[in-house]
N, C-alpha and C. Protein backbone atom coordinates (compact mmCIF):
# COMPACT_ATOMS: atom_id res chain seq x y z
N UNK A 1 -42.42 -7.35 1.01
CA UNK A 1 -43.49 -6.40 1.23
C UNK A 1 -42.90 -5.06 1.67
N UNK A 2 -43.26 -4.01 0.99
CA UNK A 2 -42.73 -2.69 1.30
C UNK A 2 -43.49 -2.05 2.45
N UNK A 3 -42.75 -1.36 3.28
CA UNK A 3 -43.36 -0.60 4.37
C UNK A 3 -43.64 0.82 3.89
N UNK A 4 -44.40 1.55 4.67
CA UNK A 4 -44.67 2.95 4.35
C UNK A 4 -43.36 3.73 4.27
N UNK A 5 -42.45 3.43 5.16
CA UNK A 5 -41.14 4.11 5.15
C UNK A 5 -40.42 3.86 3.83
N UNK A 6 -40.49 2.63 3.32
CA UNK A 6 -39.86 2.30 2.03
C UNK A 6 -40.58 2.99 0.87
N UNK A 7 -41.91 2.97 0.90
CA UNK A 7 -42.70 3.54 -0.20
C UNK A 7 -42.38 5.03 -0.38
N UNK A 8 -42.26 5.76 0.73
CA UNK A 8 -41.99 7.20 0.67
C UNK A 8 -40.49 7.51 0.66
N UNK A 9 -39.66 6.47 0.61
CA UNK A 9 -38.20 6.62 0.55
C UNK A 9 -37.67 7.48 1.69
N UNK A 10 -38.16 7.17 2.89
CA UNK A 10 -37.80 7.94 4.08
C UNK A 10 -36.58 7.34 4.75
N UNK A 11 -35.70 8.23 5.18
CA UNK A 11 -34.56 7.85 6.00
C UNK A 11 -34.55 8.74 7.23
N UNK A 12 -34.24 8.17 8.36
CA UNK A 12 -34.05 8.94 9.59
C UNK A 12 -32.55 9.05 9.79
N UNK A 13 -32.07 10.28 9.91
CA UNK A 13 -30.63 10.51 9.95
C UNK A 13 -30.28 11.54 11.02
N UNK A 14 -29.00 11.54 11.39
CA UNK A 14 -28.46 12.58 12.26
C UNK A 14 -27.62 13.51 11.39
N UNK A 15 -27.86 14.81 11.54
CA UNK A 15 -27.08 15.81 10.81
C UNK A 15 -26.35 16.68 11.81
N UNK A 16 -25.11 17.05 11.45
CA UNK A 16 -24.33 17.95 12.29
C UNK A 16 -24.69 19.38 11.94
N UNK A 17 -25.21 20.12 12.91
CA UNK A 17 -25.66 21.48 12.68
C UNK A 17 -25.30 22.35 13.88
N UNK A 18 -24.50 23.34 13.65
CA UNK A 18 -24.09 24.29 14.69
C UNK A 18 -23.60 23.56 15.95
N UNK A 19 -22.56 22.82 15.80
CA UNK A 19 -21.87 22.15 16.91
C UNK A 19 -22.64 21.04 17.60
N UNK A 20 -23.69 20.52 16.99
CA UNK A 20 -24.40 19.39 17.58
C UNK A 20 -25.08 18.57 16.48
N UNK A 21 -25.35 17.32 16.81
CA UNK A 21 -26.09 16.47 15.90
C UNK A 21 -27.57 16.58 16.21
N UNK A 22 -28.37 16.70 15.16
CA UNK A 22 -29.82 16.70 15.34
C UNK A 22 -30.40 15.55 14.51
N UNK A 23 -31.48 14.99 15.01
CA UNK A 23 -32.17 13.93 14.28
C UNK A 23 -33.15 14.57 13.31
N UNK A 24 -33.18 14.04 12.10
CA UNK A 24 -34.04 14.60 11.07
C UNK A 24 -34.54 13.49 10.15
N UNK A 25 -35.51 13.84 9.36
CA UNK A 25 -36.07 12.91 8.38
C UNK A 25 -35.63 13.38 7.00
N UNK A 26 -35.38 12.45 6.13
CA UNK A 26 -34.99 12.78 4.77
C UNK A 26 -35.84 11.94 3.82
N UNK A 27 -36.52 12.62 2.90
CA UNK A 27 -37.33 11.95 1.88
C UNK A 27 -37.32 12.82 0.63
N UNK A 28 -37.93 12.37 -0.44
CA UNK A 28 -38.00 13.22 -1.63
C UNK A 28 -38.88 14.46 -1.46
N UNK A 29 -39.64 14.55 -0.37
CA UNK A 29 -40.54 15.69 -0.18
C UNK A 29 -40.11 16.55 1.00
N UNK A 30 -39.63 17.74 0.72
CA UNK A 30 -39.11 18.62 1.78
C UNK A 30 -40.21 19.13 2.72
N UNK A 31 -41.44 19.24 2.24
CA UNK A 31 -42.54 19.70 3.10
C UNK A 31 -42.80 18.66 4.18
N UNK A 32 -42.89 17.41 3.79
CA UNK A 32 -43.06 16.33 4.76
C UNK A 32 -41.88 16.29 5.73
N UNK A 33 -40.67 16.41 5.20
CA UNK A 33 -39.46 16.37 6.03
C UNK A 33 -39.52 17.44 7.12
N UNK A 34 -39.80 18.68 6.72
CA UNK A 34 -39.80 19.77 7.69
C UNK A 34 -40.91 19.60 8.71
N UNK A 35 -42.09 19.22 8.26
CA UNK A 35 -43.21 19.05 9.18
C UNK A 35 -42.89 18.00 10.25
N UNK A 36 -42.41 16.85 9.84
CA UNK A 36 -42.10 15.78 10.80
C UNK A 36 -40.94 16.17 11.70
N UNK A 37 -39.88 16.75 11.13
CA UNK A 37 -38.71 17.13 11.92
C UNK A 37 -39.05 18.17 12.98
N UNK A 38 -40.06 18.98 12.75
CA UNK A 38 -40.47 19.99 13.74
C UNK A 38 -40.92 19.37 15.06
N UNK A 39 -41.32 18.13 15.05
CA UNK A 39 -41.69 17.43 16.28
C UNK A 39 -40.44 16.69 16.75
N UNK A 40 -39.71 17.30 17.69
CA UNK A 40 -38.35 16.89 18.00
C UNK A 40 -38.19 15.93 19.17
N UNK A 41 -39.27 15.66 19.89
CA UNK A 41 -39.17 14.71 21.01
C UNK A 41 -40.29 13.68 20.89
N UNK A 42 -40.07 12.49 21.45
CA UNK A 42 -41.13 11.49 21.42
C UNK A 42 -42.43 11.99 22.05
N UNK A 43 -42.32 12.77 23.13
CA UNK A 43 -43.53 13.30 23.77
C UNK A 43 -44.28 14.25 22.85
N UNK A 44 -43.56 15.10 22.13
CA UNK A 44 -44.22 16.02 21.19
C UNK A 44 -44.91 15.25 20.07
N UNK A 45 -44.25 14.23 19.56
CA UNK A 45 -44.87 13.42 18.50
C UNK A 45 -46.15 12.79 19.04
N UNK A 46 -46.07 12.21 20.23
CA UNK A 46 -47.22 11.51 20.79
C UNK A 46 -48.35 12.47 21.16
N UNK A 47 -48.02 13.55 21.86
CA UNK A 47 -49.04 14.45 22.40
C UNK A 47 -49.63 15.42 21.38
N UNK A 48 -48.85 15.84 20.40
CA UNK A 48 -49.32 16.88 19.49
C UNK A 48 -49.53 16.41 18.06
N UNK A 49 -49.02 15.26 17.71
CA UNK A 49 -49.18 14.76 16.35
C UNK A 49 -50.02 13.49 16.33
N UNK A 50 -49.53 12.45 16.97
CA UNK A 50 -50.27 11.18 16.94
C UNK A 50 -51.63 11.27 17.62
N UNK A 51 -51.73 12.00 18.71
CA UNK A 51 -53.02 12.08 19.40
C UNK A 51 -54.08 12.71 18.49
N UNK A 52 -53.71 13.73 17.73
CA UNK A 52 -54.65 14.38 16.82
C UNK A 52 -55.00 13.49 15.64
N UNK A 53 -54.00 12.81 15.09
CA UNK A 53 -54.25 11.87 13.99
C UNK A 53 -55.19 10.76 14.46
N UNK A 54 -54.91 10.23 15.64
CA UNK A 54 -55.76 9.15 16.17
C UNK A 54 -57.18 9.62 16.44
N UNK A 55 -57.34 10.86 16.91
CA UNK A 55 -58.68 11.41 17.11
C UNK A 55 -59.49 11.38 15.82
N UNK A 56 -58.85 11.70 14.72
CA UNK A 56 -59.53 11.69 13.43
C UNK A 56 -59.78 10.25 12.97
N UNK A 57 -58.76 9.42 13.02
CA UNK A 57 -58.92 8.05 12.55
C UNK A 57 -59.92 7.25 13.38
N UNK A 58 -60.06 7.60 14.67
CA UNK A 58 -61.00 6.90 15.54
C UNK A 58 -62.39 7.55 15.57
N UNK A 59 -62.59 8.58 14.74
CA UNK A 59 -63.90 9.20 14.63
C UNK A 59 -64.26 10.17 15.75
N UNK A 60 -63.31 10.52 16.61
CA UNK A 60 -63.57 11.48 17.68
C UNK A 60 -63.70 12.88 17.09
N UNK A 61 -62.91 13.17 16.07
CA UNK A 61 -62.98 14.44 15.33
C UNK A 61 -63.14 14.11 13.85
N UNK A 62 -63.83 14.97 13.13
CA UNK A 62 -63.95 14.74 11.68
C UNK A 62 -62.70 15.21 10.94
N UNK A 63 -62.02 16.21 11.52
CA UNK A 63 -60.78 16.73 10.94
C UNK A 63 -60.03 17.53 12.00
N UNK A 64 -58.74 17.64 11.84
CA UNK A 64 -57.89 18.44 12.72
C UNK A 64 -56.93 19.23 11.84
N UNK A 65 -56.58 20.42 12.28
CA UNK A 65 -55.56 21.22 11.62
C UNK A 65 -54.35 21.29 12.53
N UNK A 66 -53.23 20.82 12.04
CA UNK A 66 -51.98 20.82 12.79
C UNK A 66 -51.07 21.90 12.20
N UNK A 67 -50.39 22.64 13.06
CA UNK A 67 -49.45 23.66 12.60
C UNK A 67 -48.12 23.40 13.28
N UNK A 68 -47.09 23.16 12.47
CA UNK A 68 -45.78 22.84 13.03
C UNK A 68 -45.02 24.11 13.39
N UNK A 69 -43.89 23.91 14.04
CA UNK A 69 -43.03 25.02 14.45
C UNK A 69 -42.62 25.91 13.28
N UNK A 70 -42.43 25.32 12.14
CA UNK A 70 -42.03 26.09 10.95
C UNK A 70 -43.24 26.57 10.14
N UNK A 71 -44.41 26.52 10.75
CA UNK A 71 -45.65 27.05 10.18
C UNK A 71 -46.19 26.27 8.99
N UNK A 72 -45.86 25.00 8.90
CA UNK A 72 -46.50 24.14 7.91
C UNK A 72 -47.82 23.68 8.52
N UNK A 73 -48.89 23.88 7.79
CA UNK A 73 -50.21 23.47 8.25
C UNK A 73 -50.60 22.16 7.56
N UNK A 74 -51.21 21.28 8.33
CA UNK A 74 -51.69 20.02 7.77
C UNK A 74 -53.14 19.85 8.21
N UNK A 75 -54.00 19.69 7.22
CA UNK A 75 -55.39 19.37 7.52
C UNK A 75 -55.51 17.86 7.45
N UNK A 76 -55.81 17.27 8.61
CA UNK A 76 -55.90 15.82 8.73
C UNK A 76 -57.38 15.43 8.70
N UNK A 77 -57.76 14.64 7.71
CA UNK A 77 -59.10 14.07 7.67
C UNK A 77 -58.96 12.55 7.70
N UNK A 78 -60.06 11.85 7.73
CA UNK A 78 -59.98 10.40 7.91
C UNK A 78 -59.25 9.69 6.77
N UNK A 79 -59.32 10.24 5.57
CA UNK A 79 -58.69 9.57 4.44
C UNK A 79 -57.38 10.20 4.00
N UNK A 80 -57.32 11.53 4.01
CA UNK A 80 -56.16 12.21 3.44
C UNK A 80 -55.69 13.34 4.34
N UNK A 81 -54.40 13.58 4.33
CA UNK A 81 -53.80 14.70 5.05
C UNK A 81 -53.17 15.62 4.01
N UNK A 82 -53.55 16.90 4.08
CA UNK A 82 -53.08 17.89 3.10
C UNK A 82 -52.14 18.88 3.77
N UNK A 83 -50.97 19.07 3.16
CA UNK A 83 -49.92 19.92 3.70
C UNK A 83 -49.89 21.26 2.95
N UNK A 84 -49.80 22.36 3.71
CA UNK A 84 -49.74 23.70 3.14
C UNK A 84 -48.57 24.46 3.76
N UNK A 85 -47.73 25.08 2.92
CA UNK A 85 -46.62 25.89 3.42
C UNK A 85 -47.02 27.34 3.62
N UNK A 86 -47.96 27.84 2.87
CA UNK A 86 -48.39 29.23 2.97
C UNK A 86 -49.30 29.39 4.18
N UNK A 87 -48.93 30.24 5.15
CA UNK A 87 -49.78 30.42 6.33
C UNK A 87 -51.16 30.99 6.01
N UNK A 88 -51.29 31.62 4.86
CA UNK A 88 -52.58 32.20 4.45
C UNK A 88 -53.32 31.32 3.45
N UNK A 89 -53.13 30.01 3.54
CA UNK A 89 -53.77 29.10 2.60
C UNK A 89 -55.29 29.11 2.81
N UNK A 90 -55.97 28.67 1.80
CA UNK A 90 -57.42 28.44 1.87
C UNK A 90 -57.65 26.95 1.61
N UNK A 91 -58.66 26.39 2.22
CA UNK A 91 -58.92 24.95 2.03
C UNK A 91 -59.27 24.64 0.57
N UNK A 92 -59.56 25.68 -0.22
CA UNK A 92 -59.82 25.46 -1.64
C UNK A 92 -58.54 25.47 -2.46
N UNK A 93 -57.41 25.88 -1.85
CA UNK A 93 -56.12 25.87 -2.54
C UNK A 93 -55.65 24.43 -2.72
N UNK A 94 -54.87 24.22 -3.76
CA UNK A 94 -54.22 22.93 -3.92
C UNK A 94 -53.15 22.79 -2.86
N UNK A 95 -53.09 21.66 -2.17
CA UNK A 95 -52.05 21.49 -1.15
C UNK A 95 -50.67 21.37 -1.79
N UNK A 96 -49.65 21.71 -1.00
CA UNK A 96 -48.27 21.53 -1.46
C UNK A 96 -47.90 20.05 -1.50
N UNK A 97 -48.61 19.28 -0.69
CA UNK A 97 -48.34 17.84 -0.62
C UNK A 97 -49.54 17.20 0.06
N UNK A 98 -49.82 15.97 -0.28
CA UNK A 98 -50.88 15.22 0.41
C UNK A 98 -50.51 13.75 0.47
N UNK A 99 -51.08 13.07 1.44
CA UNK A 99 -50.82 11.64 1.61
C UNK A 99 -51.97 11.03 2.41
N UNK A 100 -52.16 9.72 2.32
CA UNK A 100 -53.17 9.08 3.15
C UNK A 100 -52.85 9.29 4.64
N UNK A 101 -53.87 9.58 5.41
CA UNK A 101 -53.68 9.84 6.84
C UNK A 101 -53.09 8.64 7.55
N UNK A 102 -53.47 7.43 7.17
CA UNK A 102 -52.91 6.24 7.79
C UNK A 102 -51.40 6.18 7.56
N UNK A 103 -50.94 6.60 6.38
CA UNK A 103 -49.50 6.63 6.10
C UNK A 103 -48.80 7.67 6.99
N UNK A 104 -49.42 8.84 7.14
CA UNK A 104 -48.85 9.86 8.03
C UNK A 104 -48.72 9.33 9.45
N UNK A 105 -49.72 8.59 9.90
CA UNK A 105 -49.66 8.01 11.25
C UNK A 105 -48.48 7.05 11.36
N UNK A 106 -48.31 6.18 10.38
CA UNK A 106 -47.20 5.22 10.42
C UNK A 106 -45.84 5.91 10.39
N UNK A 107 -45.73 6.98 9.62
CA UNK A 107 -44.48 7.74 9.58
C UNK A 107 -44.22 8.40 10.93
N UNK A 108 -45.26 8.97 11.53
CA UNK A 108 -45.11 9.60 12.85
C UNK A 108 -44.72 8.58 13.91
N UNK A 109 -45.29 7.39 13.86
CA UNK A 109 -44.93 6.34 14.82
C UNK A 109 -43.48 5.91 14.65
N UNK A 110 -43.03 5.78 13.40
CA UNK A 110 -41.64 5.41 13.14
C UNK A 110 -40.69 6.53 13.59
N UNK A 111 -41.08 7.77 13.37
CA UNK A 111 -40.28 8.92 13.80
C UNK A 111 -40.18 8.94 15.32
N UNK A 112 -41.28 8.70 16.02
CA UNK A 112 -41.27 8.68 17.48
C UNK A 112 -40.33 7.58 17.99
N UNK A 113 -40.36 6.42 17.36
CA UNK A 113 -39.47 5.33 17.74
C UNK A 113 -38.01 5.70 17.50
N UNK A 114 -37.74 6.34 16.39
CA UNK A 114 -36.38 6.76 16.07
C UNK A 114 -35.89 7.78 17.10
N UNK A 115 -36.74 8.75 17.44
CA UNK A 115 -36.34 9.76 18.43
C UNK A 115 -36.07 9.13 19.80
N UNK A 116 -36.81 8.11 20.14
CA UNK A 116 -36.66 7.46 21.44
C UNK A 116 -35.39 6.58 21.50
N UNK A 117 -34.87 6.20 20.34
CA UNK A 117 -33.66 5.37 20.31
C UNK A 117 -32.43 6.24 20.50
N UNK A 118 -31.34 5.61 20.93
CA UNK A 118 -30.04 6.29 21.11
C UNK A 118 -30.09 7.25 22.27
């Protein structure tokens, strides 16, 4: 049985960048990679990413807009999360990437676990 991490071909890796190793995500989609990598600590993932996703999935909010450090915007709704790289996007624009919100939650949880390890 494939996991969400397997389906999206995600790897969590350490890269050497400017005299230090940083933890990052690697997948076939660079927009997803950058958005997730922007949340660099387990607390940030939990407080600013998972809490908002859970609010939508639990019906507390109908939708949330998340903006990462690198200005990638994600509109999270109960079924789908749409990623936009252009800061001046319109909700009528085609997203640069989209995925089921439940999958985004599972990726964020796995990322938080990876950041907490080591």
